[in-house]
């Protein structure tokens, strides 16, 4: 399996709504391994397929951040089915390296979809895991954390966003 590079802010694939997966076949199984390896290599809590250039509704989450014995999960064609509560916390993104912003998200989120074997699953996340679920679903819908910011907040980040877009460190 190969490691694919993370697509960075400015890459148009990050702004496209991802397409549903129609078939789970050998090519998809190989891609799921690539997604997991790429996430681990980037030291990400989660990774959406479009962040490595594949416009499909798939994301991975490293569950070991909440329980060291838990394996990473993959959710194919994820849908947010329920959410509740609210909390504000600093959030970063592999596609916006070095940028961290306070984002308000639901405290609990329930997501349904298919696992890597094509079986229907429903998973509830709380706190950090809920945030990761919602963050990755945002990616699949072409949304980034900066889309939660006000015009004045974006104005303050203009220089940093320009640096990120050009591949420079912030």
Protein backbone atom coordinates (compact mmCIF):
# COMPACT_ATOMS: atom_id res chain seq x y z
CA UNK A 1 0.00 0.00 0.00
CA UNK A 2 1.19 3.48 -0.72
CA UNK A 3 0.96 6.70 1.24
CA UNK A 4 -0.85 9.48 -0.60
CA UNK A 5 -0.04 13.13 0.15
CA UNK A 6 -2.55 15.28 1.98
CA UNK A 7 -4.25 17.82 -0.28
CA UNK A 8 -3.76 21.35 1.02
CA UNK A 9 -6.07 24.37 1.13
CA UNK A 10 -6.42 25.75 -2.37
CA UNK A 11 -6.76 22.31 -3.99
CA UNK A 12 -10.18 22.29 -5.64
CA UNK A 13 -10.90 18.66 -4.64
CA UNK A 14 -11.37 19.91 -1.06
CA UNK A 15 -14.31 22.08 -2.16
CA UNK A 16 -16.20 19.42 -4.14
CA UNK A 17 -19.01 17.37 -2.67
CA UNK A 18 -17.86 13.74 -2.69
CA UNK A 19 -19.69 11.02 -4.60
CA UNK A 20 -21.27 7.99 -2.93
CA UNK A 21 -19.45 4.68 -3.22
CA UNK A 22 -21.48 2.34 -5.42
CA UNK A 23 -19.49 -0.92 -5.18
CA UNK A 24 -17.24 -2.45 -2.56
CA UNK A 25 -14.66 -4.34 -4.59
CA UNK A 26 -10.96 -5.15 -4.50
CA UNK A 27 -9.97 -1.68 -5.67
CA UNK A 28 -11.96 -0.08 -2.86
CA UNK A 29 -10.51 -2.45 -0.26
CA UNK A 30 -7.01 -1.49 -1.44
CA UNK A 31 -7.92 2.20 -1.26
CA UNK A 32 -9.24 1.81 2.31
CA UNK A 33 -5.84 0.50 3.36
CA UNK A 34 -4.18 3.44 1.60
CA UNK A 35 -6.53 5.83 3.44
CA UNK A 36 -5.66 4.28 6.82
CA UNK A 37 -1.92 4.25 6.12
CA UNK A 38 -2.02 7.85 4.87
CA UNK A 39 -3.93 8.93 8.00
CA UNK A 40 -1.43 7.21 10.28
CA UNK A 41 1.55 8.65 8.38
CA UNK A 42 0.08 12.18 8.66
CA UNK A 43 -0.61 11.60 12.39
CA UNK A 44 -4.25 12.52 11.86
CA UNK A 45 -7.21 11.78 14.11
CA UNK A 46 -9.27 11.33 10.96
CA UNK A 47 -8.95 11.60 7.21
CA UNK A 48 -11.52 12.01 4.46
CA UNK A 49 -10.92 10.42 1.05
CA UNK A 50 -10.92 13.77 -0.73
CA UNK A 51 -8.04 14.91 1.46
CA UNK A 52 -5.89 12.45 -0.49
CA UNK A 53 -7.50 13.28 -3.82
CA UNK A 54 -10.25 10.65 -4.07
CA UNK A 55 -13.71 12.19 -4.49
CA UNK A 56 -15.64 9.43 -2.67
CA UNK A 57 -17.72 9.55 0.51
CA UNK A 58 -15.35 7.68 2.80
CA UNK A 59 -13.53 8.67 5.94
CA UNK A 60 -11.31 7.01 8.52
CA UNK A 61 -11.02 7.73 12.25
CA UNK A 62 -8.22 6.61 14.54
CA UNK A 63 -10.23 5.43 17.54
CA UNK A 64 -7.06 4.75 19.58
CA UNK A 65 -7.08 8.42 20.60
CA UNK A 66 -9.92 7.57 22.99
CA UNK A 67 -8.99 3.96 23.78
CA UNK A 68 -5.56 2.54 22.95
CA UNK A 69 -6.95 -0.93 22.22
CA UNK A 70 -9.44 0.32 19.63
CA UNK A 71 -8.68 -0.08 15.95
CA UNK A 72 -9.14 2.66 13.35
CA UNK A 73 -12.54 2.61 11.66
CA UNK A 74 -13.62 3.39 8.12
CA UNK A 75 -17.10 4.64 7.29
CA UNK A 76 -18.31 4.46 3.70
CA UNK A 77 -21.17 6.75 2.58
CA UNK A 78 -21.49 8.29 6.06
CA UNK A 79 -24.63 10.15 7.07
CA UNK A 80 -25.17 12.19 10.20
CA UNK A 81 -28.31 10.72 11.77
CA UNK A 82 -28.42 12.51 15.13
CA UNK A 83 -26.55 15.08 17.18
CA UNK A 84 -26.97 16.87 20.50
CA UNK A 85 -25.29 19.23 22.89
CA UNK A 86 -22.66 21.78 22.05
CA UNK A 87 -19.04 22.49 22.87
CA UNK A 88 -16.38 24.85 21.60
CA UNK A 89 -12.83 23.68 21.24
CA UNK A 90 -9.74 24.40 19.21
CA UNK A 91 -9.72 22.45 15.96
CA UNK A 92 -7.06 21.90 13.35
CA UNK A 93 -7.00 20.27 9.94
CA UNK A 94 -4.38 18.35 7.99
CA UNK A 95 -5.42 20.32 4.88
CA UNK A 96 -4.81 23.62 6.72
CA UNK A 97 -1.47 22.80 8.38
CA UNK A 98 -0.55 25.02 11.30
CA UNK A 99 -3.97 26.68 11.51
CA UNK A 100 -6.06 26.13 14.65
CA UNK A 101 -9.39 27.81 15.36
CA UNK A 102 -12.09 27.67 18.02
CA UNK A 103 -15.04 25.83 16.45
CA UNK A 104 -18.42 25.05 18.05
CA UNK A 105 -19.78 21.60 17.27
CA UNK A 106 -22.34 19.18 18.75
CA UNK A 107 -21.04 17.25 21.76
CA UNK A 108 -22.56 13.98 20.52
CA UNK A 109 -22.95 12.80 16.94
CA UNK A 110 -24.37 9.57 15.56
CA UNK A 111 -23.21 8.51 12.11
CA UNK A 112 -24.43 5.64 9.96
CA UNK A 113 -22.88 4.13 6.86
CA UNK A 114 -21.08 1.01 5.74
CA UNK A 115 -18.01 -0.58 7.26
CA UNK A 116 -15.11 -1.88 5.15
CA UNK A 117 -16.99 -5.17 4.61
CA UNK A 118 -20.10 -3.38 3.32
CA UNK A 119 -22.13 -4.03 6.48
CA UNK A 120 -24.40 -1.29 7.79
CA UNK A 121 -23.09 0.36 10.94
CA UNK A 122 -24.21 3.12 13.27
CA UNK A 123 -21.70 4.69 15.63
CA UNK A 124 -22.18 7.32 18.31
CA UNK A 125 -19.27 9.59 19.04
CA UNK A 126 -18.89 11.88 22.04
CA UNK A 127 -16.54 14.82 22.50
CA UNK A 128 -13.40 14.38 20.43
CA UNK A 129 -14.78 11.52 18.32
CA UNK A 130 -18.01 13.44 17.58
CA UNK A 131 -15.85 16.37 16.48
CA UNK A 132 -13.80 14.15 14.18
CA UNK A 133 -16.92 12.54 12.66
CA UNK A 134 -18.41 15.96 11.92
CA UNK A 135 -15.11 17.39 10.66
CA UNK A 136 -14.67 14.53 8.19
CA UNK A 137 -18.29 14.70 7.00
CA UNK A 138 -17.72 18.42 6.41
CA UNK A 139 -14.77 17.51 4.18
CA UNK A 140 -16.94 15.11 2.18
CA UNK A 141 -19.39 17.98 1.66
CA UNK A 142 -16.65 20.36 0.49
CA UNK A 143 -16.56 22.33 3.75
CA UNK A 144 -13.48 23.38 5.73
CA UNK A 145 -13.11 24.67 9.30
CA UNK A 146 -12.52 28.18 7.97
CA UNK A 147 -16.11 28.16 6.67
CA UNK A 148 -17.27 28.43 10.30
CA UNK A 149 -15.44 31.73 10.78
CA UNK A 150 -16.82 35.23 10.44
CA UNK A 151 -15.65 37.59 7.69
CA UNK A 152 -13.59 39.52 10.23
CA UNK A 153 -11.94 36.31 11.51
CA UNK A 154 -11.16 35.28 7.92
CA UNK A 155 -9.71 38.72 7.28
CA UNK A 156 -7.29 38.25 10.16
CA UNK A 157 -6.21 34.90 8.69
CA UNK A 158 -5.74 36.14 5.12
CA UNK A 159 -1.94 36.11 5.34
CA UNK A 160 -1.81 32.64 6.91
CA UNK A 161 -4.23 31.22 4.33
CA UNK A 162 -2.12 32.67 1.52
CA UNK A 163 0.98 31.00 2.99
CA UNK A 164 -0.81 27.64 3.34
CA UNK A 165 -2.09 27.86 -0.23
CA UNK A 166 1.45 28.48 -1.50
CA UNK A 167 2.85 25.57 0.52
CA UNK A 168 4.72 27.64 3.11
CA UNK A 169 4.71 27.07 6.87
CA UNK A 170 2.46 29.17 9.10
